[in-house]
Amino acid sequence: FRGHDLYAADADPAVIRKQIGIIHQRPIVFPMSVQDNVLFGVRFHRRLTAFAQRELARELLERVGLWKEVNPRLDAPAAALACGQQQRLCLARTLANAPEVILMDEPCSALDPTATRHIEALIAELKRDYTIIIVTHNMSQARRVSEQALFFYQGRLIEAGSTGQLLEDPREPMTREFVTGQIG
């Protein structure tokens, strides 16, 4: 990342975790309150007063469209939230660290259509401020949320281009086979 080997012996995991945010297929909430989940990484990277922490949590929960849903229960266990709410909570926790890049691994695969719509709307908003890399096998979602696409097969880059070009008129036979459903 930025010319540095993330696996080098001298790579600092704390710095990497701040620079690169990750959203997994299934939301990973920590066994703590909603507010503590949002502030988890921030507490390692910054010193904030209790008031500033509450304000930051509110700001981030508002940004991911979760504030109105969780405001009365910020101290409740995050595990009690619905799956789509948990995924937005994970996104708020990621944003709290102000990463340079956000990696999303099938961020909507465990979500219903309404929750998926929320996450995709957030991606559309966030891509103005962040580099977002999404791994998805869902061609419709790729069309909706991405501008550039890369097709990998067994860890090897097969084709890259604009999403429209890659999905509508792929140049490589293997990409064409995948996009048309012949493989994959």
N, C-alpha and C. Protein backbone atom coordinates (compact mmCIF):
# COMPACT_ATOMS: atom_id res chain seq x y z
N PHE A 1 0.85 -1.17 0.00
CA PHE A 1 0.00 0.00 0.00
C PHE A 1 0.89 1.23 0.00
N ARG A 2 0.68 2.10 -0.97
CA ARG A 2 1.51 3.31 -1.11
C ARG A 2 3.00 2.97 -1.12
N GLY A 3 3.32 1.86 -1.80
CA GLY A 3 4.71 1.45 -1.96
C GLY A 3 5.28 0.65 -0.81
N HIS A 4 4.47 0.34 0.20
CA HIS A 4 4.95 -0.41 1.36
C HIS A 4 4.34 -1.81 1.36
N ASP A 5 5.18 -2.78 1.64
CA ASP A 5 4.74 -4.17 1.74
C ASP A 5 3.97 -4.35 3.04
N LEU A 6 2.67 -4.63 2.93
CA LEU A 6 1.84 -4.79 4.12
C LEU A 6 2.22 -6.02 4.94
N TYR A 7 2.95 -6.93 4.35
CA TYR A 7 3.35 -8.15 5.04
C TYR A 7 4.79 -8.11 5.53
N ALA A 8 5.46 -6.98 5.35
CA ALA A 8 6.85 -6.86 5.80
C ALA A 8 6.92 -6.98 7.32
N ALA A 9 8.03 -7.45 7.80
CA ALA A 9 8.22 -7.65 9.25
C ALA A 9 8.06 -6.35 10.02
N ASP A 10 8.44 -5.23 9.41
CA ASP A 10 8.35 -3.96 10.11
C ASP A 10 7.03 -3.21 9.86
N ALA A 11 6.10 -3.84 9.16
CA ALA A 11 4.79 -3.20 8.92
C ALA A 11 4.04 -3.09 10.24
N ASP A 12 3.49 -1.93 10.50
CA ASP A 12 2.78 -1.68 11.76
C ASP A 12 1.28 -1.93 11.55
N PRO A 13 0.74 -3.00 12.15
CA PRO A 13 -0.68 -3.32 11.96
C PRO A 13 -1.62 -2.18 12.37
N ALA A 14 -1.26 -1.43 13.39
CA ALA A 14 -2.12 -0.32 13.83
C ALA A 14 -2.21 0.75 12.75
N VAL A 15 -1.11 1.04 12.10
CA VAL A 15 -1.10 2.04 11.03
C VAL A 15 -1.90 1.51 9.84
N ILE A 16 -1.71 0.26 9.50
CA ILE A 16 -2.42 -0.34 8.37
C ILE A 16 -3.93 -0.33 8.64
N ARG A 17 -4.33 -0.69 9.85
CA ARG A 17 -5.75 -0.72 10.19
C ARG A 17 -6.38 0.68 10.12
N LYS A 18 -5.58 1.69 10.35
CA LYS A 18 -6.10 3.05 10.25
C LYS A 18 -6.21 3.48 8.79
N GLN A 19 -5.26 3.08 7.98
CA GLN A 19 -5.24 3.48 6.57
C GLN A 19 -6.25 2.73 5.71
N ILE A 20 -6.48 1.47 6.04
CA ILE A 20 -7.32 0.61 5.21
C ILE A 20 -8.46 0.05 6.06
N GLY A 21 -9.67 0.44 5.74
CA GLY A 21 -10.85 -0.08 6.44
C GLY A 21 -11.38 -1.30 5.71
N ILE A 22 -11.96 -2.23 6.45
CA ILE A 22 -12.48 -3.45 5.85
C ILE A 22 -13.91 -3.69 6.30
N ILE A 23 -14.76 -3.99 5.33
CA ILE A 23 -16.13 -4.39 5.59
C ILE A 23 -16.25 -5.82 5.06
N HIS A 24 -16.60 -6.74 5.93
CA HIS A 24 -16.67 -8.15 5.56
C HIS A 24 -18.05 -8.53 5.03
N GLN A 25 -18.14 -9.75 4.47
CA GLN A 25 -19.42 -10.25 3.95
C GLN A 25 -20.50 -10.21 5.01
N ARG A 26 -20.19 -10.77 6.13
CA ARG A 26 -21.13 -10.76 7.25
C ARG A 26 -20.62 -9.74 8.25
N PRO A 27 -21.52 -8.93 8.77
CA PRO A 27 -21.08 -7.91 9.72
C PRO A 27 -20.38 -8.53 10.92
N ILE A 28 -19.29 -7.92 11.31
CA ILE A 28 -18.57 -8.37 12.49
C ILE A 28 -18.71 -7.27 13.54
N VAL A 29 -19.66 -7.48 14.45
CA VAL A 29 -19.82 -6.53 15.55
C VAL A 29 -19.12 -7.09 16.76
N PHE A 30 -18.58 -6.22 17.56
CA PHE A 30 -17.87 -6.64 18.75
C PHE A 30 -18.86 -6.79 19.90
N PRO A 31 -18.56 -7.64 20.87
CA PRO A 31 -19.48 -7.88 22.00
C PRO A 31 -19.47 -6.71 22.98
N MET A 32 -20.00 -5.60 22.50
CA MET A 32 -20.06 -4.38 23.29
C MET A 32 -21.21 -3.55 22.77
N SER A 33 -21.39 -2.38 23.31
CA SER A 33 -22.51 -1.53 22.93
C SER A 33 -22.37 -1.00 21.51
N VAL A 34 -23.47 -0.46 21.00
CA VAL A 34 -23.47 0.18 19.69
C VAL A 34 -22.43 1.29 19.66
N GLN A 35 -22.46 2.18 20.64
CA GLN A 35 -21.52 3.30 20.66
C GLN A 35 -20.07 2.82 20.78
N ASP A 36 -19.82 1.84 21.62
CA ASP A 36 -18.45 1.34 21.78
C ASP A 36 -17.95 0.69 20.49
N ASN A 37 -18.83 0.06 19.73
CA ASN A 37 -18.44 -0.50 18.44
C ASN A 37 -17.97 0.60 17.50
N VAL A 38 -18.73 1.69 17.42
CA VAL A 38 -18.37 2.79 16.53
C VAL A 38 -17.02 3.37 16.91
N LEU A 39 -16.77 3.50 18.20
CA LEU A 39 -15.57 4.18 18.68
C LEU A 39 -14.37 3.27 18.91
N PHE A 40 -14.51 1.99 18.61
CA PHE A 40 -13.48 1.01 18.95
C PHE A 40 -12.10 1.42 18.44
N GLY A 41 -11.95 1.66 17.15
CA GLY A 41 -10.64 2.01 16.59
C GLY A 41 -10.18 3.39 16.97
N VAL A 42 -11.12 4.31 17.06
CA VAL A 42 -10.79 5.70 17.40
C VAL A 42 -10.06 5.77 18.73
N ARG A 43 -10.46 4.94 19.65
CA ARG A 43 -9.85 4.98 20.99
C ARG A 43 -8.38 4.58 20.96
N PHE A 44 -7.96 3.88 19.92
CA PHE A 44 -6.55 3.52 19.78
C PHE A 44 -5.75 4.61 19.08
N HIS A 45 -6.42 5.40 18.26
CA HIS A 45 -5.71 6.35 17.41
C HIS A 45 -5.80 7.80 17.88
N ARG A 46 -6.79 8.11 18.71
CA ARG A 46 -6.97 9.50 19.14
C ARG A 46 -7.42 9.54 20.59
N ARG A 47 -7.15 10.65 21.22
CA ARG A 47 -7.63 10.93 22.57
C ARG A 47 -8.78 11.90 22.45
N LEU A 48 -9.95 11.49 22.87
CA LEU A 48 -11.14 12.35 22.81
C LEU A 48 -11.82 12.37 24.16
N THR A 49 -12.39 13.51 24.47
CA THR A 49 -13.19 13.59 25.70
C THR A 49 -14.45 12.74 25.53
N ALA A 50 -15.11 12.45 26.61
CA ALA A 50 -16.35 11.67 26.55
C ALA A 50 -17.38 12.39 25.68
N PHE A 51 -17.46 13.70 25.81
CA PHE A 51 -18.40 14.47 24.98
C PHE A 51 -18.04 14.34 23.50
N ALA A 52 -16.75 14.49 23.17
CA ALA A 52 -16.31 14.40 21.78
C ALA A 52 -16.57 13.00 21.22
N GLN A 53 -16.41 11.98 22.06
CA GLN A 53 -16.69 10.61 21.61
C GLN A 53 -18.16 10.45 21.26
N ARG A 54 -19.04 10.96 22.14
CA ARG A 54 -20.49 10.86 21.87
C ARG A 54 -20.85 11.61 20.59
N GLU A 55 -20.26 12.78 20.40
CA GLU A 55 -20.55 13.58 19.20
C GLU A 55 -20.05 12.88 17.94
N LEU A 56 -18.85 12.30 18.01
CA LEU A 56 -18.32 11.57 16.86
C LEU A 56 -19.20 10.36 16.53
N ALA A 57 -19.61 9.63 17.56
CA ALA A 57 -20.48 8.48 17.34
C ALA A 57 -21.79 8.92 16.68
N ARG A 58 -22.37 10.01 17.18
CA ARG A 58 -23.62 10.51 16.58
C ARG A 58 -23.40 10.89 15.12
N GLU A 59 -22.33 11.63 14.84
CA GLU A 59 -22.03 12.08 13.48
C GLU A 59 -21.88 10.89 12.52
N LEU A 60 -21.15 9.88 12.96
CA LEU A 60 -20.92 8.72 12.10
C LEU A 60 -22.18 7.88 11.92
N LEU A 61 -22.94 7.73 12.98
CA LEU A 61 -24.20 6.98 12.87
C LEU A 61 -25.19 7.72 11.98
N GLU A 62 -25.17 9.04 12.01
CA GLU A 62 -26.00 9.82 11.09
C GLU A 62 -25.53 9.62 9.66
N ARG A 63 -24.23 9.63 9.46
CA ARG A 63 -23.69 9.49 8.09
C ARG A 63 -24.08 8.17 7.46
N VAL A 64 -24.17 7.11 8.25
CA VAL A 64 -24.55 5.81 7.68
C VAL A 64 -26.05 5.55 7.80
N GLY A 65 -26.80 6.57 8.20
CA GLY A 65 -28.25 6.45 8.25
C GLY A 65 -28.77 5.58 9.37
N LEU A 66 -28.07 5.52 10.46
CA LEU A 66 -28.43 4.62 11.56
C LEU A 66 -28.83 5.36 12.83
N TRP A 67 -28.54 6.65 12.91
CA TRP A 67 -28.75 7.40 14.15
C TRP A 67 -30.18 7.30 14.67
N LYS A 68 -31.15 7.57 13.84
CA LYS A 68 -32.54 7.56 14.30
C LYS A 68 -32.97 6.18 14.79
N GLU A 69 -32.39 5.15 14.21
CA GLU A 69 -32.75 3.78 14.59
C GLU A 69 -32.12 3.34 15.90
N VAL A 70 -30.94 3.87 16.22
CA VAL A 70 -30.22 3.38 17.40
C VAL A 70 -30.08 4.41 18.52
N ASN A 71 -30.43 5.66 18.27
CA ASN A 71 -30.24 6.71 19.26
C ASN A 71 -30.73 6.34 20.66
N PRO A 72 -31.93 5.80 20.80
CA PRO A 72 -32.38 5.49 22.16
C PRO A 72 -31.63 4.32 22.81
N ARG A 73 -30.85 3.61 22.03
CA ARG A 73 -30.18 2.42 22.60
C ARG A 73 -28.70 2.33 22.25
N LEU A 74 -28.01 3.44 22.38
CA LEU A 74 -26.58 3.47 22.11
C LEU A 74 -25.79 2.56 23.04
N ASP A 75 -26.31 2.35 24.25
CA ASP A 75 -25.62 1.51 25.22
C ASP A 75 -26.06 0.04 25.15
N ALA A 76 -26.98 -0.27 24.24
CA ALA A 76 -27.45 -1.65 24.07
C ALA A 76 -26.41 -2.45 23.29
N PRO A 77 -26.42 -3.77 23.46
CA PRO A 77 -25.47 -4.60 22.71
C PRO A 77 -25.67 -4.48 21.21
N ALA A 78 -24.59 -4.30 20.47
CA ALA A 78 -24.66 -4.17 19.02
C ALA A 78 -25.20 -5.44 18.37
N ALA A 79 -24.99 -6.57 19.00
CA ALA A 79 -25.45 -7.85 18.45
C ALA A 79 -26.97 -7.91 18.35
N ALA A 80 -27.67 -7.05 19.07
CA ALA A 80 -29.13 -7.05 19.03
C ALA A 80 -29.68 -6.36 17.78
N LEU A 81 -28.83 -5.68 17.02
CA LEU A 81 -29.27 -5.00 15.81
C LEU A 81 -29.53 -6.01 14.70
N ALA A 82 -30.38 -5.64 13.75
CA ALA A 82 -30.63 -6.47 12.57
C ALA A 82 -29.35 -6.50 11.72
N CYS A 83 -29.24 -7.50 10.86
CA CYS A 83 -28.03 -7.70 10.07
C CYS A 83 -27.66 -6.46 9.25
N GLY A 84 -28.62 -5.85 8.57
CA GLY A 84 -28.35 -4.65 7.79
C GLY A 84 -27.89 -3.49 8.65
N GLN A 85 -28.47 -3.37 9.84
CA GLN A 85 -28.04 -2.34 10.78
C GLN A 85 -26.62 -2.61 11.25
N GLN A 86 -26.31 -3.88 11.49
CA GLN A 86 -24.95 -4.23 11.91
C GLN A 86 -23.94 -3.87 10.83
N GLN A 87 -24.29 -4.08 9.56
CA GLN A 87 -23.36 -3.77 8.49
C GLN A 87 -23.12 -2.25 8.42
N ARG A 88 -24.17 -1.46 8.61
CA ARG A 88 -23.99 -0.01 8.63
C ARG A 88 -23.19 0.42 9.86
N LEU A 89 -23.38 -0.27 10.98
CA LEU A 89 -22.58 0.00 12.18
C LEU A 89 -21.10 -0.27 11.90
N CYS A 90 -20.81 -1.37 11.23
CA CYS A 90 -19.43 -1.69 10.87
C CYS A 90 -18.85 -0.61 9.95
N LEU A 91 -19.68 -0.09 9.07
CA LEU A 91 -19.21 0.98 8.19
C LEU A 91 -18.93 2.25 8.99
N ALA A 92 -19.77 2.56 9.95
CA ALA A 92 -19.52 3.72 10.83
C ALA A 92 -18.21 3.53 11.59
N ARG A 93 -17.97 2.32 12.10
CA ARG A 93 -16.73 2.03 12.82
C ARG A 93 -15.52 2.21 11.91
N THR A 94 -15.64 1.79 10.66
CA THR A 94 -14.56 1.96 9.70
C THR A 94 -14.31 3.43 9.41
N LEU A 95 -15.38 4.18 9.20
CA LEU A 95 -15.25 5.61 8.90
C LEU A 95 -14.64 6.39 10.06
N ALA A 96 -14.85 5.91 11.26
CA ALA A 96 -14.31 6.60 12.45
C ALA A 96 -12.80 6.74 12.38
N ASN A 97 -12.13 5.81 11.71
CA ASN A 97 -10.67 5.87 11.60
C ASN A 97 -10.21 6.73 10.43
N ALA A 98 -11.14 7.25 9.64
CA ALA A 98 -10.81 8.06 8.46
C ALA A 98 -9.77 7.36 7.58
N PRO A 99 -10.09 6.15 7.11
CA PRO A 99 -9.12 5.42 6.29
C PRO A 99 -8.95 6.08 4.92
N GLU A 100 -7.87 5.73 4.26
CA GLU A 100 -7.65 6.20 2.89
C GLU A 100 -8.43 5.33 1.90
N VAL A 101 -8.56 4.05 2.23
CA VAL A 101 -9.20 3.08 1.35
C VAL A 101 -10.16 2.24 2.18
N ILE A 102 -11.29 1.89 1.58
CA ILE A 102 -12.23 0.97 2.23
C ILE A 102 -12.37 -0.25 1.32
N LEU A 103 -12.04 -1.41 1.87
CA LEU A 103 -12.21 -2.67 1.15
C LEU A 103 -13.53 -3.28 1.60
N MET A 104 -14.33 -3.71 0.64
CA MET A 104 -15.62 -4.33 0.96
C MET A 104 -15.67 -5.68 0.27
N ASP A 105 -15.79 -6.72 1.07
CA ASP A 105 -15.86 -8.08 0.54
C ASP A 105 -17.32 -8.53 0.54
N GLU A 106 -17.95 -8.52 -0.63
CA GLU A 106 -19.36 -8.92 -0.75
C GLU A 106 -20.19 -8.26 0.37
N PRO A 107 -20.19 -6.93 0.47
CA PRO A 107 -20.80 -6.26 1.62
C PRO A 107 -22.31 -6.44 1.76
N CYS A 108 -22.97 -6.92 0.72
CA CYS A 108 -24.43 -7.06 0.78
C CYS A 108 -24.90 -8.50 0.66
N SER A 109 -23.97 -9.45 0.63
CA SER A 109 -24.37 -10.84 0.37
C SER A 109 -25.26 -11.43 1.46
N ALA A 110 -25.16 -10.92 2.67
CA ALA A 110 -25.98 -11.45 3.77
C ALA A 110 -27.20 -10.57 4.06
N LEU A 111 -27.45 -9.59 3.19
CA LEU A 111 -28.48 -8.60 3.47
C LEU A 111 -29.72 -8.76 2.59
N ASP A 112 -30.84 -8.29 3.11
CA ASP A 112 -32.08 -8.30 2.33
C ASP A 112 -32.04 -7.10 1.36
N PRO A 113 -32.99 -7.04 0.41
CA PRO A 113 -32.95 -5.96 -0.59
C PRO A 113 -33.00 -4.54 0.00
N THR A 114 -33.75 -4.33 1.07
CA THR A 114 -33.83 -3.00 1.67
C THR A 114 -32.48 -2.61 2.28
N ALA A 115 -31.86 -3.51 3.02
CA ALA A 115 -30.55 -3.23 3.61
C ALA A 115 -29.50 -3.05 2.51
N THR A 116 -29.61 -3.83 1.45
CA THR A 116 -28.69 -3.70 0.32
C THR A 116 -28.80 -2.30 -0.29
N ARG A 117 -30.01 -1.82 -0.45
CA ARG A 117 -30.25 -0.48 -0.99
C ARG A 117 -29.57 0.57 -0.11
N HIS A 118 -29.66 0.41 1.22
CA HIS A 118 -29.00 1.35 2.15
C HIS A 118 -27.49 1.35 1.93
N ILE A 119 -26.90 0.16 1.88
CA ILE A 119 -25.45 0.05 1.73
C ILE A 119 -25.01 0.62 0.38
N GLU A 120 -25.74 0.30 -0.68
CA GLU A 120 -25.36 0.81 -2.01
C GLU A 120 -25.48 2.34 -2.08
N ALA A 121 -26.48 2.90 -1.42
CA ALA A 121 -26.61 4.36 -1.37
C ALA A 121 -25.42 4.97 -0.61
N LEU A 122 -25.01 4.31 0.45
CA LEU A 122 -23.84 4.79 1.20
C LEU A 122 -22.58 4.72 0.35
N ILE A 123 -22.43 3.64 -0.42
CA ILE A 123 -21.26 3.52 -1.30
C ILE A 123 -21.24 4.68 -2.29
N ALA A 124 -22.40 4.98 -2.88
CA ALA A 124 -22.48 6.08 -3.84
C ALA A 124 -22.06 7.40 -3.21
N GLU A 125 -22.47 7.62 -1.97
CA GLU A 125 -22.10 8.85 -1.27
C GLU A 125 -20.62 8.84 -0.88
N LEU A 126 -20.15 7.73 -0.33
CA LEU A 126 -18.80 7.66 0.20
C LEU A 126 -17.72 7.67 -0.87
N LYS A 127 -18.05 7.22 -2.07
CA LYS A 127 -17.01 7.16 -3.10
C LYS A 127 -16.53 8.53 -3.53
N ARG A 128 -17.24 9.58 -3.12
CA ARG A 128 -16.77 10.95 -3.38
C ARG A 128 -15.56 11.27 -2.50
N ASP A 129 -15.49 10.65 -1.32
CA ASP A 129 -14.45 10.98 -0.35
C ASP A 129 -13.42 9.87 -0.13
N TYR A 130 -13.74 8.66 -0.56
CA TYR A 130 -12.87 7.51 -0.28
C TYR A 130 -12.65 6.69 -1.55
N THR A 131 -11.52 6.03 -1.58
CA THR A 131 -11.32 4.98 -2.57
C THR A 131 -11.98 3.74 -2.00
N ILE A 132 -12.92 3.18 -2.74
CA ILE A 132 -13.64 2.00 -2.27
C ILE A 132 -13.39 0.87 -3.26
N ILE A 133 -12.97 -0.26 -2.73
CA ILE A 133 -12.76 -1.45 -3.54
C ILE A 133 -13.76 -2.49 -3.07
N ILE A 134 -14.56 -2.97 -4.00
CA ILE A 134 -15.61 -3.94 -3.66
C ILE A 134 -15.35 -5.23 -4.40
N VAL A 135 -15.36 -6.33 -3.67
CA VAL A 135 -15.34 -7.65 -4.28
C VAL A 135 -16.79 -8.10 -4.34
N THR A 136 -17.25 -8.42 -5.54
CA THR A 136 -18.61 -8.91 -5.68
C THR A 136 -18.71 -9.88 -6.85
N HIS A 137 -19.61 -10.83 -6.72
CA HIS A 137 -19.94 -11.73 -7.82
C HIS A 137 -21.28 -11.32 -8.40
N ASN A 138 -21.88 -10.29 -7.84
CA ASN A 138 -23.19 -9.82 -8.26
C ASN A 138 -23.01 -8.76 -9.35
N MET A 139 -23.23 -9.18 -10.60
CA MET A 139 -23.01 -8.27 -11.73
C MET A 139 -23.94 -7.06 -11.69
N SER A 140 -25.17 -7.25 -11.23
CA SER A 140 -26.10 -6.12 -11.13
C SER A 140 -25.59 -5.10 -10.13
N GLN A 141 -25.08 -5.57 -9.01
CA GLN A 141 -24.54 -4.65 -8.01
C GLN A 141 -23.31 -3.93 -8.57
N ALA A 142 -22.45 -4.65 -9.26
CA ALA A 142 -21.27 -4.02 -9.86
C ALA A 142 -21.70 -2.88 -10.79
N ARG A 143 -22.72 -3.12 -11.59
CA ARG A 143 -23.24 -2.07 -12.49
C ARG A 143 -23.72 -0.85 -11.70
N ARG A 144 -24.41 -1.12 -10.59
CA ARG A 144 -25.02 -0.02 -9.83
C ARG A 144 -24.00 0.82 -9.07
N VAL A 145 -22.94 0.22 -8.57
CA VAL A 145 -22.08 0.96 -7.62
C VAL A 145 -20.68 1.29 -8.12
N SER A 146 -20.26 0.71 -9.24
CA SER A 146 -18.86 0.92 -9.61
C SER A 146 -18.70 1.69 -10.91
N GLU A 147 -17.56 2.30 -11.04
CA GLU A 147 -17.19 3.02 -12.25
C GLU A 147 -16.13 2.25 -13.03
N GLN A 148 -15.25 1.59 -12.30
CA GLN A 148 -14.19 0.77 -12.89
C GLN A 148 -14.36 -0.65 -12.39
N ALA A 149 -14.00 -1.61 -13.21
CA ALA A 149 -14.13 -3.01 -12.82
C ALA A 149 -12.88 -3.78 -13.23
N LEU A 150 -12.58 -4.78 -12.43
CA LEU A 150 -11.48 -5.69 -12.73
C LEU A 150 -12.05 -7.10 -12.61
N PHE A 151 -11.69 -7.95 -13.55
CA PHE A 151 -12.11 -9.35 -13.48
C PHE A 151 -10.87 -10.19 -13.20
N PHE A 152 -10.92 -10.88 -12.06
CA PHE A 152 -9.83 -11.78 -11.66
C PHE A 152 -10.29 -13.21 -11.77
N TYR A 153 -9.37 -14.08 -12.11
CA TYR A 153 -9.66 -15.51 -12.10
C TYR A 153 -8.45 -16.21 -11.48
N GLN A 154 -8.69 -16.94 -10.42
CA GLN A 154 -7.64 -17.66 -9.69
C GLN A 154 -6.46 -16.75 -9.36
N GLY A 155 -6.78 -15.54 -8.87
CA GLY A 155 -5.76 -14.61 -8.42
C GLY A 155 -5.04 -13.87 -9.53
N ARG A 156 -5.46 -14.06 -10.77
CA ARG A 156 -4.80 -13.41 -11.91
C ARG A 156 -5.76 -12.42 -12.55
N LEU A 157 -5.26 -11.21 -12.82
CA LEU A 157 -6.07 -10.20 -13.48
C LEU A 157 -6.28 -10.59 -14.93
N ILE A 158 -7.54 -10.73 -15.32
CA ILE A 158 -7.88 -11.10 -16.69
C ILE A 158 -8.20 -9.87 -17.52
N GLU A 159 -8.98 -8.94 -16.94
CA GLU A 159 -9.39 -7.75 -17.70
C GLU A 159 -9.73 -6.62 -16.75
N ALA A 160 -9.48 -5.40 -17.22
CA ALA A 160 -9.82 -4.20 -16.46
C ALA A 160 -10.37 -3.16 -17.41
N GLY A 161 -11.27 -2.33 -16.90
CA GLY A 161 -11.82 -1.26 -17.71
C GLY A 161 -12.98 -0.60 -17.01
N SER A 162 -13.67 0.25 -17.75
CA SER A 162 -14.87 0.84 -17.16
C SER A 162 -15.87 -0.29 -16.92
N THR A 163 -16.70 -0.12 -15.91
CA THR A 163 -17.68 -1.16 -15.59
C THR A 163 -18.58 -1.43 -16.78
N GLY A 164 -19.05 -0.37 -17.42
CA GLY A 164 -19.92 -0.55 -18.59
C GLY A 164 -19.26 -1.36 -19.68
N GLN A 165 -18.03 -1.01 -20.02
CA GLN A 165 -17.31 -1.73 -21.06
C GLN A 165 -17.08 -3.17 -20.67
N LEU A 166 -16.61 -3.39 -19.45
CA LEU A 166 -16.26 -4.74 -19.03
C LEU A 166 -17.50 -5.64 -18.97
N LEU A 167 -18.64 -5.11 -18.55
CA LEU A 167 -19.83 -5.94 -18.42
C LEU A 167 -20.63 -6.03 -19.71
N GLU A 168 -20.56 -5.02 -20.56
CA GLU A 168 -21.36 -5.02 -21.79
C GLU A 168 -20.59 -5.53 -23.00
N ASP A 169 -19.30 -5.28 -23.05
CA ASP A 169 -18.51 -5.66 -24.22
C ASP A 169 -17.12 -6.10 -23.79
N PRO A 170 -17.03 -7.20 -23.03
CA PRO A 170 -15.71 -7.64 -22.56
C PRO A 170 -14.81 -8.03 -23.72
N ARG A 171 -13.54 -7.74 -23.56
CA ARG A 171 -12.55 -8.04 -24.61
C ARG A 171 -12.02 -9.47 -24.49
N GLU A 172 -11.90 -9.95 -23.27
CA GLU A 172 -11.31 -11.26 -23.04
C GLU A 172 -12.39 -12.35 -23.03
N PRO A 173 -12.13 -13.48 -23.67
CA PRO A 173 -13.11 -14.57 -23.71
C PRO A 173 -13.55 -15.05 -22.32
N MET A 174 -12.61 -15.16 -21.40
CA MET A 174 -12.97 -15.65 -20.06
C MET A 174 -13.89 -14.66 -19.36
N THR A 175 -13.63 -13.38 -19.52
CA THR A 175 -14.52 -12.36 -18.93
C THR A 175 -15.91 -12.49 -19.54
N ARG A 176 -15.97 -12.64 -20.85
CA ARG A 176 -17.26 -12.78 -21.54
C ARG A 176 -18.02 -14.00 -21.01
N GLU A 177 -17.31 -15.10 -20.83
CA GLU A 177 -17.94 -16.32 -20.32
C GLU A 177 -18.50 -16.09 -18.91
N PHE A 178 -17.76 -15.37 -18.09
CA PHE A 178 -18.24 -15.10 -16.73
C PHE A 178 -19.46 -14.18 -16.75
N VAL A 179 -19.35 -13.08 -17.49
CA VAL A 179 -20.42 -12.09 -17.53
C VAL A 179 -21.70 -12.68 -18.10
N THR A 180 -21.60 -13.59 -19.04
CA THR A 180 -22.78 -14.20 -19.65
C THR A 180 -23.27 -15.43 -18.89
N GLY A 181 -22.57 -15.79 -17.81
CA GLY A 181 -23.02 -16.89 -16.99
C GLY A 181 -22.58 -18.27 -17.45
N GLN A 182 -21.66 -18.34 -18.40
CA GLN A 182 -21.17 -19.63 -18.88
C GLN A 182 -20.21 -20.29 -17.90
N ILE A 183 -19.51 -19.45 -17.10
CA ILE A 183 -18.66 -19.96 -16.02
C ILE A 183 -18.96 -19.15 -14.77
N GLY A 184 -18.52 -19.66 -13.63
CA GLY A 184 -18.61 -18.91 -12.39
C GLY A 184 -19.73 -19.30 -11.51
